Structure formats: C-alpha cells, structure tokens
N, C-alpha and C. Protein backbone atom coordinates (compact mmCIF):
# COMPACT_ATOMS: atom_id res chain seq x y z
N MET A 1 14.44 45.53 -18.72
CA MET A 1 14.24 44.99 -20.61
C MET A 1 13.69 43.91 -20.44
N LYS A 2 12.34 43.40 -20.57
CA LYS A 2 12.13 42.49 -21.12
C LYS A 2 12.39 41.72 -21.96
N ILE A 3 11.90 39.88 -21.93
CA ILE A 3 12.30 39.60 -23.60
C ILE A 3 11.61 39.78 -24.65
N ALA A 4 10.39 40.03 -24.19
CA ALA A 4 9.19 40.38 -25.49
C ALA A 4 9.83 41.94 -25.79
N GLU A 5 10.18 43.14 -25.09
CA GLU A 5 10.94 44.04 -25.89
C GLU A 5 11.64 44.11 -26.70
N MET A 6 13.22 42.81 -26.18
CA MET A 6 14.31 42.68 -26.81
C MET A 6 13.59 42.01 -28.33
N ILE A 7 13.05 41.26 -28.36
CA ILE A 7 12.45 40.64 -29.65
C ILE A 7 11.68 41.73 -30.23
N LYS A 8 10.95 42.65 -30.01
CA LYS A 8 10.31 43.51 -30.91
C LYS A 8 11.56 44.30 -31.29
N LEU A 9 12.62 45.02 -30.52
CA LEU A 9 13.34 45.84 -31.31
C LEU A 9 14.25 44.84 -31.89
N GLY A 10 15.05 43.61 -31.88
CA GLY A 10 15.30 42.75 -33.01
C GLY A 10 14.71 42.64 -34.42
N VAL A 11 13.10 42.93 -34.11
CA VAL A 11 12.50 42.54 -35.43
C VAL A 11 12.70 43.94 -36.24
N LYS A 12 13.12 44.91 -35.71
CA LYS A 12 12.49 46.14 -36.11
C LYS A 12 14.28 47.03 -36.56
N GLY A 13 14.92 45.89 -36.60
CA GLY A 13 16.58 45.75 -36.84
C GLY A 13 17.71 45.92 -35.94
N PHE A 14 17.32 46.05 -34.61
CA PHE A 14 18.24 46.73 -33.74
C PHE A 14 18.73 45.15 -33.46
N LYS A 15 20.39 45.20 -33.42
CA LYS A 15 21.75 44.21 -33.01
C LYS A 15 21.57 44.26 -31.47
N PRO A 16 21.83 42.86 -31.19
CA PRO A 16 22.24 42.84 -29.57
C PRO A 16 23.17 43.80 -28.61
N SER A 17 24.26 44.18 -29.51
CA SER A 17 25.00 45.17 -28.96
C SER A 17 24.22 46.52 -28.73
N GLU A 18 23.21 46.63 -29.89
CA GLU A 18 22.75 48.13 -29.95
C GLU A 18 21.47 47.73 -28.82
N ILE A 19 20.60 46.75 -28.58
CA ILE A 19 19.93 46.93 -27.80
C ILE A 19 20.18 46.61 -25.88
N ARG A 20 21.80 46.17 -25.64
CA ARG A 20 22.46 46.35 -24.48
C ARG A 20 22.49 47.99 -24.22
N SER A 21 23.26 48.44 -25.66
CA SER A 21 23.19 50.11 -25.16
C SER A 21 22.23 50.96 -24.76
N ILE A 22 21.21 50.35 -25.53
CA ILE A 22 19.62 51.09 -25.26
C ILE A 22 19.49 50.74 -23.59
N ASN A 23 19.25 49.41 -23.36
CA ASN A 23 19.20 48.99 -22.09
C ASN A 23 20.04 49.94 -21.05
N ASP A 24 21.68 49.93 -21.21
CA ASP A 24 22.20 50.57 -20.13
C ASP A 24 21.78 52.27 -20.18
N SER A 25 21.16 52.69 -20.92
CA SER A 25 21.11 53.99 -21.51
C SER A 25 20.01 54.51 -20.36
N GLY A 26 19.06 53.78 -20.06
CA GLY A 26 17.92 53.66 -18.98
C GLY A 26 16.91 54.79 -19.52
N ILE A 27 16.61 54.81 -21.42
CA ILE A 27 15.69 55.29 -21.73
C ILE A 27 14.27 54.16 -21.73
N SER A 28 13.25 54.50 -22.00
CA SER A 28 12.14 53.32 -21.60
C SER A 28 11.93 52.67 -23.49
N THR A 29 11.86 51.55 -23.39
CA THR A 29 12.05 50.65 -24.42
C THR A 29 10.71 50.89 -25.29
N ASP A 30 9.81 51.46 -24.58
CA ASP A 30 8.51 51.76 -25.22
C ASP A 30 8.76 52.98 -26.17
N GLU A 31 9.67 54.22 -25.71
CA GLU A 31 10.04 54.86 -26.63
C GLU A 31 10.64 54.66 -27.67
N ILE A 32 11.38 53.58 -27.61
CA ILE A 32 12.52 53.30 -28.36
C ILE A 32 11.49 52.35 -29.53
N ILE A 33 10.87 51.58 -28.82
CA ILE A 33 10.24 50.77 -30.29
C ILE A 33 9.01 51.69 -30.76
N SER A 34 8.69 52.55 -30.46
CA SER A 34 8.01 53.71 -31.09
C SER A 34 8.60 54.10 -32.05
N LEU A 35 10.05 54.76 -31.72
CA LEU A 35 10.74 55.43 -32.35
C LEU A 35 11.39 54.41 -34.18
N ALA A 36 11.29 53.29 -33.66
CA ALA A 36 11.56 52.42 -34.51
C ALA A 36 10.56 51.92 -35.64
N GLU A 37 9.36 52.30 -34.66
CA GLU A 37 8.02 51.80 -35.90
C GLU A 37 7.92 53.08 -36.64
N SER A 38 8.62 54.06 -36.43
CA SER A 38 7.95 55.66 -36.95
C SER A 38 8.99 55.60 -38.05
N GLY A 39 9.95 54.57 -37.85
CA GLY A 39 11.19 54.67 -39.26
C GLY A 39 12.22 54.92 -38.73
N TYR A 40 13.01 55.06 -37.47
CA TYR A 40 14.45 55.48 -36.99
C TYR A 40 14.83 54.14 -37.06
N SER A 41 15.99 54.59 -37.30
CA SER A 41 17.27 53.14 -37.94
C SER A 41 17.58 52.71 -36.42
N ALA A 42 18.33 51.96 -36.33
CA ALA A 42 18.92 51.86 -34.61
C ALA A 42 20.31 52.95 -34.83
N SER A 43 21.12 53.36 -36.19
CA SER A 43 21.94 54.24 -35.77
C SER A 43 21.46 55.72 -35.64
N ASP A 44 20.21 55.63 -36.02
CA ASP A 44 19.52 56.98 -35.67
C ASP A 44 19.12 57.54 -34.50
N VAL A 45 18.58 55.91 -33.70
CA VAL A 45 18.57 56.03 -32.10
C VAL A 45 19.36 56.06 -31.42
N ASN A 46 20.52 55.23 -31.68
CA ASN A 46 22.04 55.78 -30.89
C ASN A 46 22.13 57.03 -30.84
N GLU A 47 22.10 57.63 -31.90
CA GLU A 47 22.61 58.91 -31.88
C GLU A 47 21.68 60.16 -31.28
N LEU A 48 20.64 59.91 -31.35
CA LEU A 48 19.72 59.92 -30.69
C LEU A 48 19.82 60.47 -28.79
N ILE A 49 20.49 59.14 -28.63
CA ILE A 49 20.75 58.66 -26.95
C ILE A 49 22.00 59.46 -26.58
N THR A 50 23.05 59.62 -27.64
CA THR A 50 24.28 60.34 -27.26
C THR A 50 24.01 61.90 -27.31
N LEU A 51 23.16 61.78 -28.29
CA LEU A 51 22.88 63.41 -28.13
C LEU A 51 22.21 63.95 -26.74
N ALA A 52 21.28 63.43 -26.36
CA ALA A 52 20.57 63.39 -25.37
C ALA A 52 21.70 63.31 -23.75
N GLN A 53 22.65 62.53 -23.92
CA GLN A 53 23.71 62.24 -23.11
C GLN A 53 24.41 63.53 -22.98
N GLU A 54 25.12 63.89 -24.21
CA GLU A 54 25.88 65.15 -24.03
C GLU A 54 25.47 66.26 -24.28
N SER A 55 24.01 66.65 -23.75
CA SER A 55 23.50 67.61 -23.67
C SER A 55 23.29 67.94 -22.38
N GLY A 56 23.42 66.62 -21.48
CA GLY A 56 23.14 66.80 -20.36
C GLY A 56 21.70 67.08 -19.79
N ALA A 57 20.88 66.57 -20.71
CA ALA A 57 19.27 66.41 -20.51
C ALA A 57 19.22 65.55 -19.63
N VAL A 58 17.68 65.35 -19.01
CA VAL A 58 17.58 64.79 -17.99
C VAL A 58 16.96 63.35 -18.43
N GLN A 59 17.87 62.30 -18.13
CA GLN A 59 17.16 60.75 -18.88
C GLN A 59 15.97 60.21 -17.92
N PRO A 60 15.20 59.68 -18.67
CA PRO A 60 14.57 59.02 -17.81
C PRO A 60 15.13 58.20 -16.26
N GLY A 61 14.57 57.97 -15.25
CA GLY A 61 14.80 57.12 -14.05
C GLY A 61 15.92 58.07 -13.54
N HIS A 62 16.54 58.76 -13.99
CA HIS A 62 17.46 60.13 -13.05
C HIS A 62 17.06 61.39 -12.50
N ASP A 63 17.10 61.62 -11.58
CA ASP A 63 16.88 62.56 -11.04
C ASP A 63 17.47 63.94 -11.60
N GLU A 64 16.68 64.96 -11.54
CA GLU A 64 16.84 66.40 -12.22
C GLU A 64 18.32 66.51 -11.38
N PRO A 65 18.83 68.20 -12.19
CA PRO A 65 19.88 68.38 -11.61
C PRO A 65 19.76 69.16 -10.54
N THR A 66 20.65 69.08 -9.56
CA THR A 66 19.95 70.21 -8.16
C THR A 66 19.55 71.82 -8.16
N ALA A 67 20.71 71.75 -9.32
CA ALA A 67 20.87 73.49 -9.97
C ALA A 67 19.36 73.73 -10.50
N ALA A 68 18.48 72.78 -11.12
CA ALA A 68 17.17 73.11 -11.58
C ALA A 68 16.42 73.07 -10.28
N ARG A 69 16.51 72.33 -9.62
CA ARG A 69 15.69 72.46 -8.20
C ARG A 69 15.32 73.74 -7.66
N GLU A 70 16.70 74.35 -7.36
CA GLU A 70 16.85 75.71 -6.59
C GLU A 70 15.97 76.53 -7.18
N PRO A 71 15.09 77.71 -6.33
CA PRO A 71 14.32 78.79 -6.61
C PRO A 71 15.30 80.11 -7.27
N ALA A 72 15.02 80.58 -8.39
CA ALA A 72 15.40 81.43 -9.07
C ALA A 72 15.96 83.11 -8.12
N GLN A 73 16.73 83.80 -8.39
CA GLN A 73 17.28 84.41 -7.33
C GLN A 73 16.36 85.58 -7.81
N LEU A 74 15.58 86.79 -6.84
CA LEU A 74 14.83 87.42 -7.12
C LEU A 74 15.41 88.64 -7.58
N SER A 75 15.20 89.84 -8.24
CA SER A 75 16.01 90.75 -8.33
C SER A 75 15.08 92.16 -7.03
N GLY A 76 15.56 92.69 -6.68
CA GLY A 76 15.21 93.93 -6.01
C GLY A 76 13.28 94.56 -6.31
N ASN A 77 13.56 94.81 -7.94
CA ASN A 77 12.16 95.61 -8.20
C ASN A 77 10.98 94.55 -8.35
N GLU A 78 11.28 93.56 -8.14
CA GLU A 78 9.58 92.44 -8.24
C GLU A 78 8.57 92.84 -7.49
N GLY A 79 9.20 93.43 -6.17
CA GLY A 79 8.00 94.20 -5.03
C GLY A 79 7.24 95.29 -6.06
N GLU A 80 8.58 96.03 -6.47
CA GLU A 80 7.62 97.25 -7.04
C GLU A 80 6.75 96.93 -8.34
N LYS A 81 7.29 95.90 -8.96
CA LYS A 81 6.38 95.75 -10.03
C LYS A 81 4.83 95.17 -9.38
N GLU A 82 4.89 94.25 -8.24
CA GLU A 82 3.74 93.54 -8.16
C GLU A 82 2.75 94.63 -7.58
N ALA A 83 3.65 95.94 -6.98
CA ALA A 83 2.81 96.94 -6.41
C ALA A 83 1.75 97.51 -7.52
N VAL A 84 2.53 97.63 -8.55
CA VAL A 84 1.79 98.37 -9.93
C VAL A 84 0.93 97.87 -10.06
N TYR A 85 1.19 95.95 -10.21
CA TYR A 85 0.00 95.33 -10.85
C TYR A 85 -1.03 95.16 -10.04
N LEU A 86 -0.82 95.26 -8.76
CA LEU A 86 -1.97 95.47 -7.85
C LEU A 86 -2.74 97.04 -7.67
N ASP A 87 -1.98 98.03 -8.40
CA ASP A 87 -2.84 99.43 -8.35
C ASP A 87 -3.75 99.36 -9.34
N LYS A 88 -3.15 98.53 -10.76
CA LYS A 88 -3.91 98.37 -12.00
C LYS A 88 -4.90 97.56 -11.64
N ILE A 89 -4.95 96.22 -10.92
CA ILE A 89 -6.14 95.19 -10.54
C ILE A 89 -7.00 96.27 -9.94
N LYS A 90 -6.73 96.75 -8.71
CA LYS A 90 -7.59 97.82 -7.99
C LYS A 90 -8.34 98.74 -8.73
N ALA A 91 -7.73 99.30 -9.90
CA ALA A 91 -8.50 100.03 -10.60
C ALA A 91 -9.29 99.87 -11.47
N GLN A 92 -9.03 98.39 -11.83
CA GLN A 92 -10.03 97.82 -13.02
C GLN A 92 -11.44 97.36 -12.32
N ASP A 93 -10.95 97.10 -10.98
CA ASP A 93 -11.95 96.06 -10.19
C ASP A 93 -13.03 97.36 -9.60
N ALA A 94 -12.13 98.77 -9.38
CA ALA A 94 -13.61 100.05 -9.52
C ALA A 94 -14.07 100.19 -11.00
N GLU A 95 -13.57 100.69 -11.80
CA GLU A 95 -14.16 100.50 -12.99
C GLU A 95 -15.48 99.50 -13.80
N ILE A 96 -15.11 98.03 -12.98
CA ILE A 96 -15.97 97.18 -13.00
C ILE A 96 -17.24 97.29 -12.53
N GLU A 97 -16.79 97.91 -11.22
CA GLU A 97 -18.22 98.08 -10.34
C GLU A 97 -18.95 99.23 -10.77
N LYS A 98 -18.29 100.26 -11.37
CA LYS A 98 -18.70 101.71 -11.80
C LYS A 98 -19.87 101.13 -13.09
N LEU A 99 -19.01 100.23 -13.82
CA LEU A 99 -19.62 99.67 -15.37
C LEU A 99 -21.08 98.54 -14.80
N LYS A 100 -20.92 98.11 -13.58
CA LYS A 100 -22.11 97.23 -13.14
C LYS A 100 -23.29 98.14 -13.16
N ALA A 101 -23.52 99.42 -11.91
CA ALA A 101 -24.46 99.93 -11.79
C ALA A 101 -24.64 100.68 -12.87
N THR A 102 -23.93 101.29 -13.85
CA THR A 102 -24.63 101.99 -15.19
C THR A 102 -25.16 101.01 -15.52
N LEU A 103 -24.74 99.53 -15.70
CA LEU A 103 -25.83 98.78 -16.69
C LEU A 103 -27.09 98.19 -15.90
N ALA A 104 -27.21 98.12 -14.33
CA ALA A 104 -28.27 98.18 -13.47
C ALA A 104 -29.07 99.42 -14.19
N THR A 105 -28.52 100.47 -13.56
CA THR A 105 -29.67 101.80 -14.06
C THR A 105 -30.41 101.73 -15.52
N VAL A 106 -29.42 101.46 -16.78
CA VAL A 106 -30.11 101.20 -17.95
C VAL A 106 -30.99 100.21 -17.75
N GLN A 107 -30.56 98.78 -17.68
CA GLN A 107 -31.76 97.90 -17.56
C GLN A 107 -33.09 98.48 -16.80
N ASN A 108 -32.69 98.88 -15.90
CA ASN A 108 -33.84 99.40 -14.93
C ASN A 108 -34.93 100.91 -15.72
N GLN A 109 -34.05 101.25 -16.47
CA GLN A 109 -35.16 102.20 -17.74
C GLN A 109 -35.80 101.74 -18.64
N ASN A 110 -34.46 100.61 -19.01
CA ASN A 110 -35.38 99.86 -20.22
C ASN A 110 -36.73 98.78 -19.90
N THR A 111 -36.83 98.33 -18.97
CA THR A 111 -37.82 97.82 -18.27
C THR A 111 -39.37 98.52 -17.75
N SER A 112 -38.80 99.54 -17.88
CA SER A 112 -40.43 100.57 -17.60
C SER A 112 -40.86 101.61 -18.91
N ARG A 113 -40.00 101.27 -19.67
CA ARG A 113 -40.17 101.60 -21.31
C ARG A 113 -41.24 100.76 -22.15
N ASN A 114 -42.34 101.92 -22.77
CA ASN A 114 -43.14 101.05 -23.33
C ASN A 114 -42.44 100.95 -25.01
N LEU A 115 -41.98 99.60 -25.34
CA LEU A 115 -41.67 99.36 -27.00
C LEU A 115 -42.29 99.14 -27.60
N GLY A 116 -44.12 99.04 -27.58
CA GLY A 116 -44.96 98.54 -28.25
C GLY A 116 -45.65 99.83 -29.22
N PRO A 117 -46.57 99.76 -29.76
CA PRO A 117 -46.80 101.07 -30.63
C PRO A 117 -47.99 101.82 -29.60
N LYS A 118 -47.53 103.44 -29.75
CA LYS A 118 -48.81 104.00 -28.95
C LYS A 118 -50.18 104.04 -28.96
N GLU A 119 -50.80 103.96 -30.37
CA GLU A 119 -51.93 103.63 -30.84
C GLU A 119 -52.58 102.18 -30.98
N GLN A 120 -53.38 101.72 -30.47
CA GLN A 120 -54.09 100.47 -31.50
C GLN A 120 -54.68 100.67 -32.80
N PRO A 121 -54.29 100.15 -33.71
CA PRO A 121 -55.52 100.37 -35.15
C PRO A 121 -56.38 100.10 -34.74
N ASP A 122 -57.75 100.98 -35.35
CA ASP A 122 -59.15 100.35 -35.09
C ASP A 122 -59.27 99.41 -35.93
N PRO A 123 -60.05 98.13 -35.87
CA PRO A 123 -59.84 96.68 -37.11
C PRO A 123 -61.20 97.53 -37.94
N ARG A 124 -61.83 98.09 -37.41
CA ARG A 124 -63.14 98.83 -38.13
C ARG A 124 -62.84 99.88 -39.83
N LYS A 125 -61.69 100.56 -38.94
CA LYS A 125 -61.19 101.60 -39.73
C LYS A 125 -60.27 100.74 -41.02
N GLU A 126 -59.37 100.12 -40.58
CA GLU A 126 -58.89 98.63 -41.51
C GLU A 126 -59.54 97.83 -42.40
N ILE A 127 -60.52 97.41 -42.22
CA ILE A 127 -61.95 97.08 -43.40
C ILE A 127 -62.43 98.30 -44.52
N ARG A 128 -62.47 99.17 -43.43
CA ARG A 128 -63.04 100.22 -44.72
C ARG A 128 -62.04 100.41 -45.57
N GLU A 129 -60.96 100.48 -45.39
CA GLU A 129 -59.64 100.87 -46.08
C GLU A 129 -59.64 99.97 -47.54
N ILE A 130 -59.56 98.57 -46.52
CA ILE A 130 -60.16 97.38 -47.51
C ILE A 130 -60.95 97.82 -48.59
N PHE A 131 -62.33 97.75 -48.08
CA PHE A 131 -63.05 97.92 -49.30
C PHE A 131 -63.16 99.01 -50.06
N LYS A 132 -62.24 100.64 -49.64
CA LYS A 132 -62.94 101.54 -50.41
C LYS A 132 -61.62 100.92 -51.58
N GLY A 133 -60.56 100.21 -51.44
CA GLY A 133 -59.93 99.72 -52.61
C GLY A 133 -60.04 98.81 -53.58
N ILE A 134 -61.51 98.17 -53.05
CA ILE A 134 -62.00 97.28 -54.04
C ILE A 134 -62.85 97.95 -54.97
N TYR A 135 -63.60 98.68 -54.67
CA TYR A 135 -64.77 99.33 -55.33
C TYR A 135 -63.94 100.41 -55.81
C-alpha cells in the first residue's frame, strides 16, 4: 500500500491499526477507498473483510480453490440430452429450408402480378363528367 493511499484512508476516518489490517488482508486499497467514499465506516469495512474471509471467498491476489478448477462430473444422460437437442435442431433446420422455399415461390408469384388498375380512365370522359356537374 502506498503512502498516498494510507493518507486517503486516514482522511476517511481509518485508524493506523485498521489500515494495517486492511493491508494484511490483501484487498485492493482502491476498493476500500471507494467504499469509504460511499459512506462505509472503518468498522463496516473490517466487518466486510472478516465476512469475506469466513465465507471462504477468494481474495484478490490469492488463487482460486482447486476444487473450483476441476470439471464437474457428468452424469450418464448428458449424451442422450445432446442427441435430443441435435434432433430438434435438425428438424428446425429442415423446417427453415421448407419455409425459405415457400417464401421464394410466393415472392415470384407476387413479382409477376399486376397490382395496378386494369383499365386506365379516359381523361376526356372525366372532363365531360366535370362539365356535366357545372351546367
């Protein structure tokens, strides 16, 4: 721990004995300073440190427990579940391909379809209708 960090902790209300115990715990002083800035008192921080050490949590700077590194034992039915999922995926892939083909067919039908009006109106007839309404 650097002297500047110790001074920051002292300004936040930590006593030298508490700073020493924090330094011995191996927890980052930046984390402790941010806790102190958030309103945690020195006793609260010490209590958090002891709770973390009692629960067996991994402390910064220490390795993880070796039991956590070992792969979990697989039960015998994982292969069966995997086969079921693979079958479902294959069925869904087949359905997707079928839907893609249907979509392509419908799109081709729509492109050749005339969506406009069948007959263009005669502008002369429209003008006659307009003048009929005037007289």
